[in-house]
PDB file of all heavy atoms in Angstrom:
ATOM      1  N   ASP A   1      12.515   0.093 -12.213  1.00  0.00           N
ATOM      2  CA  ASP A   1      13.367  -1.091 -12.222  1.00  0.00           C
ATOM      3  C   ASP A   1      14.125  -1.214 -10.905  1.00  0.00           C
ATOM      4  O   ASP A   1      13.972  -0.411  -9.988  1.00  0.00           O
ATOM      5  CB  ASP A   1      14.343  -1.041 -13.407  1.00  0.00           C
ATOM      6  CG  ASP A   1      15.184   0.237 -13.430  1.00  0.00           C
ATOM      7  OD1 ASP A   1      15.319   0.883 -12.361  1.00  0.00           O
ATOM      8  OD2 ASP A   1      15.692   0.584 -14.502  1.00  0.00           O
ATOM      9  N   PHE A   2      14.966  -2.237 -10.806  1.00  0.00           N
ATOM     10  CA  PHE A   2      15.701  -2.506  -9.574  1.00  0.00           C
ATOM     11  C   PHE A   2      16.579  -1.326  -9.176  1.00  0.00           C
ATOM     12  O   PHE A   2      16.637  -0.930  -8.006  1.00  0.00           O
ATOM     13  CB  PHE A   2      16.564  -3.761  -9.746  1.00  0.00           C
ATOM     14  CG  PHE A   2      17.475  -4.028  -8.577  1.00  0.00           C
ATOM     15  CD1 PHE A   2      16.969  -4.585  -7.410  1.00  0.00           C
ATOM     16  CD2 PHE A   2      18.825  -3.696  -8.634  1.00  0.00           C
ATOM     17  CE1 PHE A   2      17.813  -4.815  -6.321  1.00  0.00           C
ATOM     18  CE2 PHE A   2      19.661  -3.919  -7.555  1.00  0.00           C
ATOM     19  CZ  PHE A   2      19.156  -4.487  -6.403  1.00  0.00           C
ATOM     20  N   ILE A   3      17.270  -0.724 -10.146  1.00  0.00           N
ATOM     21  CA  ILE A   3      18.176   0.393  -9.849  1.00  0.00           C
ATOM     22  C   ILE A   3      17.404   1.579  -9.287  1.00  0.00           C
ATOM     23  O   ILE A   3      17.811   2.219  -8.301  1.00  0.00           O
ATOM     24  CB  ILE A   3      18.959   0.809 -11.113  1.00  0.00           C
ATOM     25  CG1 ILE A   3      19.832  -0.352 -11.604  1.00  0.00           C
ATOM     26  CG2 ILE A   3      19.815   2.038 -10.823  1.00  0.00           C
ATOM     27  CD1 ILE A   3      20.897  -0.788 -10.621  1.00  0.00           C
ATOM     28  N   SER A   4      16.254   1.892  -9.905  1.00  0.00           N
ATOM     29  CA  SER A   4      15.447   3.022  -9.453  1.00  0.00           C
ATOM     30  C   SER A   4      15.044   2.866  -7.995  1.00  0.00           C
ATOM     31  O   SER A   4      15.101   3.810  -7.197  1.00  0.00           O
ATOM     32  CB  SER A   4      14.194   3.158 -10.319  1.00  0.00           C
ATOM     33  OG  SER A   4      14.535   3.397 -11.663  1.00  0.00           O
ATOM     34  N   HIS A   5      14.623   1.643  -7.632  1.00  0.00           N
ATOM     35  CA  HIS A   5      14.168   1.416  -6.266  1.00  0.00           C
ATOM     36  C   HIS A   5      15.347   1.321  -5.296  1.00  0.00           C
ATOM     37  O   HIS A   5      15.266   1.804  -4.157  1.00  0.00           O
ATOM     38  CB  HIS A   5      13.316   0.144  -6.202  1.00  0.00           C
ATOM     39  CG  HIS A   5      11.967   0.327  -6.826  1.00  0.00           C
ATOM     40  ND1 HIS A   5      10.908   0.876  -6.137  1.00  0.00           N
ATOM     41  CD2 HIS A   5      11.506   0.039  -8.075  1.00  0.00           C
ATOM     42  CE1 HIS A   5       9.841   0.918  -6.933  1.00  0.00           C
ATOM     43  NE2 HIS A   5      10.188   0.424  -8.110  1.00  0.00           N
ATOM     44  N   ALA A   6      16.431   0.714  -5.712  1.00  0.00           N
ATOM     45  CA  ALA A   6      17.575   0.555  -4.819  1.00  0.00           C
ATOM     46  C   ALA A   6      18.174   1.901  -4.433  1.00  0.00           C
ATOM     47  O   ALA A   6      18.609   2.097  -3.283  1.00  0.00           O
ATOM     48  CB  ALA A   6      18.643  -0.315  -5.495  1.00  0.00           C
ATOM     49  N   PHE A   7      18.206   2.858  -5.372  1.00  0.00           N
ATOM     50  CA  PHE A   7      18.808   4.165  -5.103  1.00  0.00           C
ATOM     51  C   PHE A   7      17.767   5.254  -4.847  1.00  0.00           C
ATOM     52  O   PHE A   7      18.107   6.435  -4.813  1.00  0.00           O
ATOM     53  CB  PHE A   7      19.715   4.557  -6.274  1.00  0.00           C
ATOM     54  CG  PHE A   7      20.966   3.748  -6.360  1.00  0.00           C
ATOM     55  CD1 PHE A   7      21.027   2.635  -7.199  1.00  0.00           C
ATOM     56  CD2 PHE A   7      22.078   4.048  -5.585  1.00  0.00           C
ATOM     57  CE1 PHE A   7      22.166   1.862  -7.277  1.00  0.00           C
ATOM     58  CE2 PHE A   7      23.233   3.280  -5.657  1.00  0.00           C
ATOM     59  CZ  PHE A   7      23.278   2.173  -6.502  1.00  0.00           C
ATOM     60  N   ARG A   8      16.495   4.816  -4.674  1.00  0.00           N
ATOM     61  CA  ARG A   8      15.426   5.758  -4.339  1.00  0.00           C
ATOM     62  C   ARG A   8      15.349   6.910  -5.339  1.00  0.00           C
ATOM     63  O   ARG A   8      15.257   8.095  -4.969  1.00  0.00           O
ATOM     64  CB  ARG A   8      15.618   6.307  -2.929  1.00  0.00           C
ATOM     65  CG  ARG A   8      15.805   5.260  -1.839  1.00  0.00           C
ATOM     66  CD  ARG A   8      14.514   4.522  -1.562  1.00  0.00           C
ATOM     67  NE  ARG A   8      13.497   5.425  -1.040  1.00  0.00           N
ATOM     68  CZ  ARG A   8      12.251   5.067  -0.780  1.00  0.00           C
ATOM     69  NH1 ARG A   8      11.864   3.837  -1.038  1.00  0.00           N
ATOM     70  NH2 ARG A   8      11.389   5.939  -0.290  1.00  0.00           N
ATOM     71  N   LEU A   9      15.444   6.582  -6.620  1.00  0.00           N
ATOM     72  CA  LEU A   9      15.359   7.590  -7.652  1.00  0.00           C
ATOM     73  C   LEU A   9      13.939   8.163  -7.718  1.00  0.00           C
ATOM     74  O   LEU A   9      12.996   7.536  -7.235  1.00  0.00           O
ATOM     75  CB  LEU A   9      15.772   6.997  -9.004  1.00  0.00           C
ATOM     76  CG  LEU A   9      17.225   6.495  -9.083  1.00  0.00           C
ATOM     77  CD1 LEU A   9      17.526   5.946 -10.462  1.00  0.00           C
ATOM     78  CD2 LEU A   9      18.221   7.589  -8.713  1.00  0.00           C
ATOM     79  N   PRO A  10      13.774   9.357  -8.303  1.00  0.00           N
ATOM     80  CA  PRO A  10      12.457  10.013  -8.299  1.00  0.00           C
ATOM     81  C   PRO A  10      11.329   9.147  -8.841  1.00  0.00           C
ATOM     82  O   PRO A  10      10.223   9.172  -8.319  1.00  0.00           O
ATOM     83  CB  PRO A  10      12.694  11.249  -9.177  1.00  0.00           C
ATOM     84  CG  PRO A  10      14.141  11.565  -8.975  1.00  0.00           C
ATOM     85  CD  PRO A  10      14.826  10.228  -8.871  1.00  0.00           C
ATOM     86  N   LEU A  11      11.595   8.368  -9.916  1.00  0.00           N
ATOM     87  CA  LEU A  11      10.553   7.509 -10.475  1.00  0.00           C
ATOM     88  C   LEU A  11      10.036   6.532  -9.430  1.00  0.00           C
ATOM     89  O   LEU A  11       8.823   6.351  -9.267  1.00  0.00           O
ATOM     90  CB  LEU A  11      11.081   6.743 -11.691  1.00  0.00           C
ATOM     91  CG  LEU A  11      10.139   5.661 -12.268  1.00  0.00           C
ATOM     92  CD1 LEU A  11       8.838   6.271 -12.732  1.00  0.00           C
ATOM     93  CD2 LEU A  11      10.826   4.896 -13.389  1.00  0.00           C
ATOM     94  N   ALA A  12      10.966   5.910  -8.694  1.00  0.00           N
ATOM     95  CA  ALA A  12      10.570   4.943  -7.683  1.00  0.00           C
ATOM     96  C   ALA A  12       9.787   5.607  -6.557  1.00  0.00           C
ATOM     97  O   ALA A  12       8.795   5.056  -6.071  1.00  0.00           O
ATOM     98  CB  ALA A  12      11.805   4.238  -7.119  1.00  0.00           C
ATOM     99  N   SER A  13      10.201   6.784  -6.150  1.00  0.00           N
ATOM    100  CA  SER A  13       9.503   7.497  -5.068  1.00  0.00           C
ATOM    101  C   SER A  13       8.084   7.879  -5.488  1.00  0.00           C
ATOM    102  O   SER A  13       7.138   7.741  -4.712  1.00  0.00           O
ATOM    103  CB  SER A  13      10.296   8.748  -4.664  1.00  0.00           C
ATOM    104  OG  SER A  13      11.555   8.402  -4.150  1.00  0.00           O
ATOM    105  N   ARG A  14       7.949   8.343  -6.727  1.00  0.00           N
ATOM    106  CA  ARG A  14       6.618   8.695  -7.227  1.00  0.00           C
ATOM    107  C   ARG A  14       5.723   7.466  -7.294  1.00  0.00           C
ATOM    108  O   ARG A  14       4.534   7.516  -6.951  1.00  0.00           O
ATOM    109  CB  ARG A  14       6.720   9.361  -8.594  1.00  0.00           C
ATOM    110  CG  ARG A  14       7.266  10.788  -8.563  1.00  0.00           C
ATOM    111  CD  ARG A  14       7.008  11.494  -9.875  1.00  0.00           C
ATOM    112  NE  ARG A  14       7.614  10.823 -11.009  1.00  0.00           N
ATOM    113  CZ  ARG A  14       8.860  11.064 -11.448  1.00  0.00           C
ATOM    114  NH1 ARG A  14       9.605  11.974 -10.818  1.00  0.00           N
ATOM    115  NH2 ARG A  14       9.338  10.423 -12.494  1.00  0.00           N
ATOM    116  N   GLU A  15       6.284   6.355  -7.744  1.00  0.00           N
ATOM    117  CA  GLU A  15       5.517   5.122  -7.830  1.00  0.00           C
ATOM    118  C   GLU A  15       5.044   4.666  -6.457  1.00  0.00           C
ATOM    119  O   GLU A  15       3.904   4.257  -6.286  1.00  0.00           O
ATOM    120  CB  GLU A  15       6.361   4.010  -8.479  1.00  0.00           C
ATOM    121  CG  GLU A  15       6.241   3.963  -9.978  1.00  0.00           C
ATOM    122  CD  GLU A  15       6.762   2.640 -10.543  1.00  0.00           C
ATOM    123  OE1 GLU A  15       7.418   1.880  -9.806  1.00  0.00           O
ATOM    124  OE2 GLU A  15       6.506   2.379 -11.723  1.00  0.00           O
ATOM    125  N   GLU A  16       5.922   4.724  -5.467  1.00  0.00           N
ATOM    126  CA  GLU A  16       5.558   4.292  -4.128  1.00  0.00           C
ATOM    127  C   GLU A  16       4.440   5.143  -3.560  1.00  0.00           C
ATOM    128  O   GLU A  16       3.508   4.624  -2.921  1.00  0.00           O
ATOM    129  CB  GLU A  16       6.783   4.330  -3.212  1.00  0.00           C
ATOM    130  CG  GLU A  16       7.783   3.219  -3.485  1.00  0.00           C
ATOM    131  CD  GLU A  16       8.944   3.231  -2.505  1.00  0.00           C
ATOM    132  OE1 GLU A  16       8.850   3.976  -1.501  1.00  0.00           O
ATOM    133  OE2 GLU A  16       9.915   2.498  -2.731  1.00  0.00           O
ATOM    134  N   ARG A  17       4.497   6.445  -3.798  1.00  0.00           N
ATOM    135  CA  ARG A  17       3.430   7.331  -3.316  1.00  0.00           C
ATOM    136  C   ARG A  17       2.106   6.994  -4.006  1.00  0.00           C
ATOM    137  O   ARG A  17       1.050   6.945  -3.363  1.00  0.00           O
ATOM    138  CB  ARG A  17       3.792   8.797  -3.561  1.00  0.00           C
ATOM    139  CG  ARG A  17       4.849   9.351  -2.620  1.00  0.00           C
ATOM    140  CD  ARG A  17       4.899  10.872  -2.678  1.00  0.00           C
ATOM    141  NE  ARG A  17       5.200  11.385  -4.011  1.00  0.00           N
ATOM    142  CZ  ARG A  17       6.435  11.580  -4.458  1.00  0.00           C
ATOM    143  NH1 ARG A  17       7.494  11.314  -3.674  1.00  0.00           N
ATOM    144  NH2 ARG A  17       6.647  12.067  -5.671  1.00  0.00           N
ATOM    145  N   SER A  18       2.172   6.755  -5.309  1.00  0.00           N
ATOM    146  CA  SER A  18       0.964   6.433  -6.068  1.00  0.00           C
ATOM    147  C   SER A  18       0.359   5.111  -5.604  1.00  0.00           C
ATOM    148  O   SER A  18      -0.864   4.998  -5.429  1.00  0.00           O
ATOM    149  CB  SER A  18       1.293   6.370  -7.563  1.00  0.00           C
ATOM    150  OG  SER A  18       0.167   5.968  -8.310  1.00  0.00           O
ATOM    151  N   ILE A  19       1.209   4.102  -5.397  1.00  0.00           N
ATOM    152  CA  ILE A  19       0.741   2.794  -4.937  1.00  0.00           C
ATOM    153  C   ILE A  19       0.067   2.916  -3.576  1.00  0.00           C
ATOM    154  O   ILE A  19      -1.004   2.347  -3.333  1.00  0.00           O
ATOM    155  CB  ILE A  19       1.923   1.801  -4.874  1.00  0.00           C
ATOM    156  CG1 ILE A  19       2.376   1.424  -6.296  1.00  0.00           C
ATOM    157  CG2 ILE A  19       1.545   0.553  -4.081  1.00  0.00           C
ATOM    158  CD1 ILE A  19       3.660   0.642  -6.338  1.00  0.00           C
ATOM    159  N   HIS A  20       0.685   3.689  -2.680  1.00  0.00           N
ATOM    160  CA  HIS A  20       0.142   3.880  -1.342  1.00  0.00           C
ATOM    161  C   HIS A  20      -1.219   4.580  -1.415  1.00  0.00           C
ATOM    162  O   HIS A  20      -2.178   4.196  -0.717  1.00  0.00           O
ATOM    163  CB  HIS A  20       1.128   4.679  -0.491  1.00  0.00           C
ATOM    164  CG  HIS A  20       0.791   4.709   0.963  1.00  0.00           C
ATOM    165  ND1 HIS A  20       0.079   5.749   1.532  1.00  0.00           N
ATOM    166  CD2 HIS A  20       1.051   3.830   1.966  1.00  0.00           C
ATOM    167  CE1 HIS A  20      -0.079   5.509   2.818  1.00  0.00           C
ATOM    168  NE2 HIS A  20       0.498   4.347   3.112  1.00  0.00           N
ATOM    169  N   GLU A  21      -1.337   5.589  -2.266  1.00  0.00           N
ATOM    170  CA  GLU A  21      -2.594   6.337  -2.383  1.00  0.00           C
ATOM    171  C   GLU A  21      -3.714   5.465  -2.935  1.00  0.00           C
ATOM    172  O   GLU A  21      -4.847   5.502  -2.434  1.00  0.00           O
ATOM    173  CB  GLU A  21      -2.387   7.561  -3.295  1.00  0.00           C
ATOM    174  CG  GLU A  21      -1.539   8.661  -2.663  1.00  0.00           C
ATOM    175  CD  GLU A  21      -1.161   9.736  -3.658  1.00  0.00           C
ATOM    176  OE1 GLU A  21      -1.588   9.628  -4.836  1.00  0.00           O
ATOM    177  OE2 GLU A  21      -0.424  10.650  -3.275  1.00  0.00           O
ATOM    178  N   VAL A  22      -3.414   4.663  -3.962  1.00  0.00           N
ATOM    179  CA  VAL A  22      -4.430   3.790  -4.536  1.00  0.00           C
ATOM    180  C   VAL A  22      -4.857   2.728  -3.530  1.00  0.00           C
ATOM    181  O   VAL A  22      -6.051   2.419  -3.384  1.00  0.00           O
ATOM    182  CB  VAL A  22      -3.927   3.131  -5.832  1.00  0.00           C
ATOM    183  CG1 VAL A  22      -4.911   2.055  -6.314  1.00  0.00           C
ATOM    184  CG2 VAL A  22      -3.731   4.176  -6.918  1.00  0.00           C
ATOM    185  N   ALA A  23      -3.888   2.162  -2.805  1.00  0.00           N
ATOM    186  CA  ALA A  23      -4.204   1.146  -1.795  1.00  0.00           C
ATOM    187  C   ALA A  23      -5.131   1.723  -0.728  1.00  0.00           C
ATOM    188  O   ALA A  23      -6.101   1.066  -0.317  1.00  0.00           O
ATOM    189  CB  ALA A  23      -2.923   0.604  -1.171  1.00  0.00           C
ATOM    190  N   LEU A  24      -4.854   2.941  -0.277  1.00  0.00           N
ATOM    191  CA  LEU A  24      -5.718   3.573   0.722  1.00  0.00           C
ATOM    192  C   LEU A  24      -7.120   3.828   0.177  1.00  0.00           C
ATOM    193  O   LEU A  24      -8.114   3.695   0.892  1.00  0.00           O
ATOM    194  CB  LEU A  24      -5.091   4.888   1.211  1.00  0.00           C
ATOM    195  CG  LEU A  24      -3.865   4.773   2.097  1.00  0.00           C
ATOM    196  CD1 LEU A  24      -3.356   6.163   2.480  1.00  0.00           C
ATOM    197  CD2 LEU A  24      -4.171   3.969   3.368  1.00  0.00           C
ATOM    198  N   GLU A  25      -7.198   4.177  -1.099  1.00  0.00           N
ATOM    199  CA  GLU A  25      -8.506   4.387  -1.718  1.00  0.00           C
ATOM    200  C   GLU A  25      -9.320   3.104  -1.711  1.00  0.00           C
ATOM    201  O   GLU A  25     -10.529   3.113  -1.401  1.00  0.00           O
ATOM    202  CB  GLU A  25      -8.312   4.882  -3.156  1.00  0.00           C
ATOM    203  CG  GLU A  25      -9.613   5.181  -3.885  1.00  0.00           C
ATOM    204  CD  GLU A  25      -9.382   5.588  -5.327  1.00  0.00           C
ATOM    205  OE1 GLU A  25      -8.222   5.840  -5.719  1.00  0.00           O
ATOM    206  OE2 GLU A  25     -10.381   5.639  -6.075  1.00  0.00           O
ATOM    207  N   MET A  26      -8.688   1.965  -2.030  1.00  0.00           N
ATOM    208  CA  MET A  26      -9.386   0.680  -2.024  1.00  0.00           C
ATOM    209  C   MET A  26      -9.756   0.270  -0.602  1.00  0.00           C
ATOM    210  O   MET A  26     -10.828  -0.293  -0.365  1.00  0.00           O
ATOM    211  CB  MET A  26      -8.517  -0.411  -2.665  1.00  0.00           C
ATOM    212  CG  MET A  26      -8.184  -0.183  -4.127  1.00  0.00           C
ATOM    213  SD  MET A  26      -9.646   0.052  -5.163  1.00  0.00           S
ATOM    214  CE  MET A  26      -9.502   1.786  -5.553  1.00  0.00           C
ATOM    215  N   ILE A  27      -8.867   0.553   0.339  1.00  0.00           N
ATOM    216  CA  ILE A  27      -9.139   0.225   1.741  1.00  0.00           C
ATOM    217  C   ILE A  27     -10.344   1.012   2.256  1.00  0.00           C
ATOM    218  O   ILE A  27     -11.214   0.463   2.944  1.00  0.00           O
ATOM    219  CB  ILE A  27      -7.874   0.497   2.589  1.00  0.00           C
ATOM    220  CG1 ILE A  27      -6.889  -0.671   2.399  1.00  0.00           C
ATOM    221  CG2 ILE A  27      -8.215   0.689   4.060  1.00  0.00           C
ATOM    222  CD1 ILE A  27      -5.537  -0.439   3.005  1.00  0.00           C
ATOM    223  N   ASP A  28     -10.431   2.277   1.892  1.00  0.00           N
ATOM    224  CA  ASP A  28     -11.582   3.079   2.307  1.00  0.00           C
ATOM    225  C   ASP A  28     -12.850   2.602   1.602  1.00  0.00           C
ATOM    226  O   ASP A  28     -13.929   2.555   2.213  1.00  0.00           O
ATOM    227  CB  ASP A  28     -11.333   4.559   2.005  1.00  0.00           C
ATOM    228  CG  ASP A  28     -10.346   5.190   2.970  1.00  0.00           C
ATOM    229  OD1 ASP A  28     -10.162   4.657   4.077  1.00  0.00           O
ATOM    230  OD2 ASP A  28      -9.741   6.219   2.607  1.00  0.00           O
ATOM    231  N   PHE A  29     -12.747   2.252   0.334  1.00  0.00           N
ATOM    232  CA  PHE A  29     -13.903   1.790  -0.428  1.00  0.00           C
ATOM    233  C   PHE A  29     -14.519   0.545   0.211  1.00  0.00           C
ATOM    234  O   PHE A  29     -15.742   0.383   0.238  1.00  0.00           O
ATOM    235  CB  PHE A  29     -13.476   1.492  -1.868  1.00  0.00           C
ATOM    236  CG  PHE A  29     -14.548   0.891  -2.728  1.00  0.00           C
ATOM    237  CD1 PHE A  29     -15.702   1.610  -3.040  1.00  0.00           C
ATOM    238  CD2 PHE A  29     -14.414  -0.392  -3.223  1.00  0.00           C
ATOM    239  CE1 PHE A  29     -16.699   1.041  -3.834  1.00  0.00           C
ATOM    240  CE2 PHE A  29     -15.400  -0.968  -4.013  1.00  0.00           C
ATOM    241  CZ  PHE A  29     -16.553  -0.243  -4.325  1.00  0.00           C
ATOM    242  N   LEU A  30     -13.654  -0.327   0.762  1.00  0.00           N
ATOM    243  CA  LEU A  30     -14.126  -1.578   1.347  1.00  0.00           C
ATOM    244  C   LEU A  30     -14.119  -1.557   2.871  1.00  0.00           C
ATOM    245  O   LEU A  30     -14.165  -2.602   3.517  1.00  0.00           O
ATOM    246  CB  LEU A  30     -13.287  -2.749   0.806  1.00  0.00           C
ATOM    247  CG  LEU A  30     -13.589  -3.034  -0.665  1.00  0.00           C
ATOM    248  CD1 LEU A  30     -12.504  -3.863  -1.318  1.00  0.00           C
ATOM    249  CD2 LEU A  30     -14.933  -3.727  -0.808  1.00  0.00           C
ATOM    250  N   ASP A  31     -14.032  -0.350   3.437  1.00  0.00           N
ATOM    251  CA  ASP A  31     -14.168  -0.165   4.884  1.00  0.00           C
ATOM    252  C   ASP A  31     -13.177  -1.021   5.677  1.00  0.00           C
ATOM    253  O   ASP A  31     -13.547  -1.742   6.613  1.00  0.00           O
ATOM    254  CB  ASP A  31     -15.611  -0.491   5.310  1.00  0.00           C
ATOM    255  CG  ASP A  31     -15.941   0.030   6.693  1.00  0.00           C
ATOM    256  OD1 ASP A  31     -15.261   0.966   7.144  1.00  0.00           O
ATOM    257  OD2 ASP A  31     -16.873  -0.511   7.322  1.00  0.00           O
ATOM    258  N   LEU A  32     -11.900  -0.904   5.306  1.00  0.00           N
ATOM    259  CA  LEU A  32     -10.845  -1.677   5.961  1.00  0.00           C
ATOM    260  C   LEU A  32      -9.858  -0.814   6.725  1.00  0.00           C
ATOM    261  O   LEU A  32      -8.831  -1.300   7.194  1.00  0.00           O
ATOM    262  CB  LEU A  32     -10.077  -2.503   4.907  1.00  0.00           C
ATOM    263  CG  LEU A  32     -10.868  -3.623   4.226  1.00  0.00           C
ATOM    264  CD1 LEU A  32     -10.128  -4.111   2.989  1.00  0.00           C
ATOM    265  CD2 LEU A  32     -11.132  -4.772   5.187  1.00  0.00           C
ATOM    266  N   ARG A  33     -10.156   0.464   6.874  1.00  0.00           N
ATOM    267  CA  ARG A  33      -9.216   1.386   7.495  1.00  0.00           C
ATOM    268  C   ARG A  33      -8.838   0.946   8.917  1.00  0.00           C
ATOM    269  O   ARG A  33      -7.684   1.051   9.325  1.00  0.00           O
ATOM    270  CB  ARG A  33      -9.814   2.785   7.505  1.00  0.00           C
ATOM    271  CG  ARG A  33      -8.977   3.864   8.164  1.00  0.00           C
ATOM    272  CD  ARG A  33      -7.805   4.328   7.326  1.00  0.00           C
ATOM    273  NE  ARG A  33      -8.156   5.075   6.152  1.00  0.00           N
ATOM    274  CZ  ARG A  33      -7.314   5.940   5.553  1.00  0.00           C
ATOM    275  NH1 ARG A  33      -6.108   6.177   6.047  1.00  0.00           N
ATOM    276  NH2 ARG A  33      -7.668   6.557   4.448  1.00  0.00           N
ATOM    277  N   ASP A  34      -9.803   0.429   9.684  1.00  0.00           N
ATOM    278  CA  ASP A  34      -9.539   0.066  11.083  1.00  0.00           C
ATOM    279  C   ASP A  34      -8.571  -1.109  11.225  1.00  0.00           C
ATOM    280  O   ASP A  34      -7.977  -1.296  12.297  1.00  0.00           O
ATOM    281  CB  ASP A  34     -10.849  -0.287  11.805  1.00  0.00           C
ATOM    282  CG  ASP A  34     -11.727   0.938  12.041  1.00  0.00           C
ATOM    283  OD1 ASP A  34     -11.214   2.066  11.894  1.00  0.00           O
ATOM    284  OD2 ASP A  34     -12.920   0.752  12.351  1.00  0.00           O
ATOM    285  N   VAL A  35      -8.421  -1.920  10.173  1.00  0.00           N
ATOM    286  CA  VAL A  35      -7.555  -3.110  10.274  1.00  0.00           C
ATOM    287  C   VAL A  35      -6.362  -3.047   9.326  1.00  0.00           C
ATOM    288  O   VAL A  35      -5.636  -4.029   9.193  1.00  0.00           O
ATOM    289  CB  VAL A  35      -8.368  -4.406  10.004  1.00  0.00           C
ATOM    290  CG1 VAL A  35      -9.476  -4.576  11.024  1.00  0.00           C
ATOM    291  CG2 VAL A  35      -8.924  -4.416   8.577  1.00  0.00           C
ATOM    292  N   MET A  36      -6.141  -1.917   8.689  1.00  0.00           N
ATOM    293  CA  MET A  36      -5.163  -1.891   7.597  1.00  0.00           C
ATOM    294  C   MET A  36      -3.733  -2.154   8.052  1.00  0.00           C
ATOM    295  O   MET A  36      -2.892  -2.581   7.247  1.00  0.00           O
ATOM    296  CB  MET A  36      -5.254  -0.582   6.812  1.00  0.00           C
ATOM    297  CG  MET A  36      -4.756   0.632   7.520  1.00  0.00           C
ATOM    298  SD  MET A  36      -4.849   2.064   6.389  1.00  0.00           S
ATOM    299  CE  MET A  36      -4.046   3.316   7.395  1.00  0.00           C
ATOM    300  N   HIS A  37      -3.405  -1.902   9.316  1.00  0.00           N
ATOM    301  CA  HIS A  37      -2.043  -2.150   9.792  1.00  0.00           C
ATOM    302  C   HIS A  37      -1.907  -3.500  10.493  1.00  0.00           C
ATOM    303  O   HIS A  37      -0.817  -3.832  10.968  1.00  0.00           O
ATOM    304  CB  HIS A  37      -1.600  -1.031  10.727  1.00  0.00           C
ATOM    305  CG  HIS A  37      -1.487   0.307  10.043  1.00  0.00           C
ATOM    306  ND1 HIS A  37      -0.670   0.512   8.943  1.00  0.00           N
ATOM    307  CD2 HIS A  37      -2.095   1.496  10.290  1.00  0.00           C
ATOM    308  CE1 HIS A  37      -0.775   1.768   8.545  1.00  0.00           C
ATOM    309  NE2 HIS A  37      -1.630   2.382   9.331  1.00  0.00           N
ATOM    310  N   LEU A  38      -2.993  -4.273  10.557  1.00  0.00           N
ATOM    311  CA  LEU A  38      -2.953  -5.595  11.184  1.00  0.00           C
ATOM    312  C   LEU A  38      -2.553  -6.649  10.160  1.00  0.00           C
ATOM    313  O   LEU A  38      -2.851  -6.521   8.967  1.00  0.00           O
ATOM    314  CB  LEU A  38      -4.324  -5.940  11.758  1.00  0.00           C
ATOM    315  CG  LEU A  38      -4.855  -5.029  12.864  1.00  0.00           C
ATOM    316  CD1 LEU A  38      -6.237  -5.508  13.308  1.00  0.00           C
ATOM    317  CD2 LEU A  38      -3.910  -4.983  14.045  1.00  0.00           C
ATOM    318  N   PRO A  39      -1.871  -7.712  10.623  1.00  0.00           N
ATOM    319  CA  PRO A  39      -1.577  -8.805   9.682  1.00  0.00           C
ATOM    320  C   PRO A  39      -2.865  -9.511   9.272  1.00  0.00           C
ATOM    321  O   PRO A  39      -3.845  -9.550  10.032  1.00  0.00           O
ATOM    322  CB  PRO A  39      -0.661  -9.727  10.498  1.00  0.00           C
ATOM    323  CG  PRO A  39      -0.976  -9.426  11.928  1.00  0.00           C
ATOM    324  CD  PRO A  39      -1.347  -7.966  11.970  1.00  0.00           C
ATOM    325  N   ALA A  40      -2.845 -10.076   8.085  1.00  0.00           N
ATOM    326  CA  ALA A  40      -4.037 -10.778   7.602  1.00  0.00           C
ATOM    327  C   ALA A  40      -4.372 -11.975   8.492  1.00  0.00           C
ATOM    328  O   ALA A  40      -5.550 -12.266   8.715  1.00  0.00           O
ATOM    329  CB  ALA A  40      -3.818 -11.232   6.161  1.00  0.00           C
ATOM    330  N   ALA A  41      -3.363 -12.654   9.002  1.00  0.00           N
ATOM    331  CA  ALA A  41      -3.585 -13.817   9.866  1.00  0.00           C
ATOM    332  C   ALA A  41      -4.394 -13.405  11.091  1.00  0.00           C
ATOM    333  O   ALA A  41      -4.073 -12.438  11.773  1.00  0.00           O
ATOM    334  CB  ALA A  41      -2.252 -14.412  10.299  1.00  0.00           C
ATOM    335  N   GLY A  42      -5.450 -14.149  11.365  1.00  0.00           N
ATOM    336  CA  GLY A  42      -6.255 -13.885  12.543  1.00  0.00           C
ATOM    337  C   GLY A  42      -7.465 -13.004  12.309  1.00  0.00           C
ATOM    338  O   GLY A  42      -8.323 -12.900  13.185  1.00  0.00           O
ATOM    339  N   LEU A  43      -7.561 -12.347  11.153  1.00  0.00           N
ATOM    340  CA  LEU A  43      -8.721 -11.515  10.876  1.00  0.00           C
ATOM    341  C   LEU A  43      -9.926 -12.395  10.515  1.00  0.00           C
ATOM    342  O   LEU A  43      -9.757 -13.500   9.985  1.00  0.00           O
ATOM    343  CB  LEU A  43      -8.429 -10.544   9.733  1.00  0.00           C
ATOM    344  CG  LEU A  43      -7.420  -9.430  10.030  1.00  0.00           C
ATOM    345  CD1 LEU A  43      -7.148  -8.615   8.775  1.00  0.00           C
ATOM    346  CD2 LEU A  43      -7.909  -8.526  11.158  1.00  0.00           C
ATOM    347  N   PRO A  44     -11.144 -11.925  10.779  1.00  0.00           N
ATOM    348  CA  PRO A  44     -12.336 -12.710  10.430  1.00  0.00           C
ATOM    349  C   PRO A  44     -12.384 -13.017   8.936  1.00  0.00           C
ATOM    350  O   PRO A  44     -11.894 -12.233   8.104  1.00  0.00           O
ATOM    351  CB  PRO A  44     -13.502 -11.792  10.834  1.00  0.00           C
ATOM    352  CG  PRO A  44     -12.930 -10.879  11.868  1.00  0.00           C
ATOM    353  CD  PRO A  44     -11.498 -10.668  11.475  1.00  0.00           C
ATOM    354  N   PHE A  45     -12.992 -14.153   8.604  1.00  0.00           N
ATOM    355  CA  PHE A  45     -13.031 -14.600   7.217  1.00  0.00           C
ATOM    356  C   PHE A  45     -13.682 -13.571   6.299  1.00  0.00           C
ATOM    357  O   PHE A  45     -13.196 -13.312   5.191  1.00  0.00           O
ATOM    358  CB  PHE A  45     -13.777 -15.937   7.131  1.00  0.00           C
ATOM    359  CG  PHE A  45     -13.765 -16.546   5.764  1.00  0.00           C
ATOM    360  CD1 PHE A  45     -12.618 -17.147   5.254  1.00  0.00           C
ATOM    361  CD2 PHE A  45     -14.901 -16.527   4.972  1.00  0.00           C
ATOM    362  CE1 PHE A  45     -12.601 -17.706   3.995  1.00  0.00           C
ATOM    363  CE2 PHE A  45     -14.901 -17.091   3.706  1.00  0.00           C
ATOM    364  CZ  PHE A  45     -13.755 -17.682   3.217  1.00  0.00           C
ATOM    365  N   GLY A  46     -14.793 -12.984   6.751  1.00  0.00           N
ATOM    366  CA  GLY A  46     -15.470 -11.993   5.929  1.00  0.00           C
ATOM    367  C   GLY A  46     -14.595 -10.790   5.640  1.00  0.00           C
ATOM    368  O   GLY A  46     -14.625 -10.217   4.545  1.00  0.00           O
TER     369      GLY A  46
END
């Protein structure tokens, strides 16, 4: 909830780590590692 994230409580920290790990897994699955830190604007349509 808002309080957990605002005060960086353990639940929020665990969630953020999990979200980051899953996102990286999807990025690797779809071969997006080279562009993952670039803004979406300007990237090729494909």
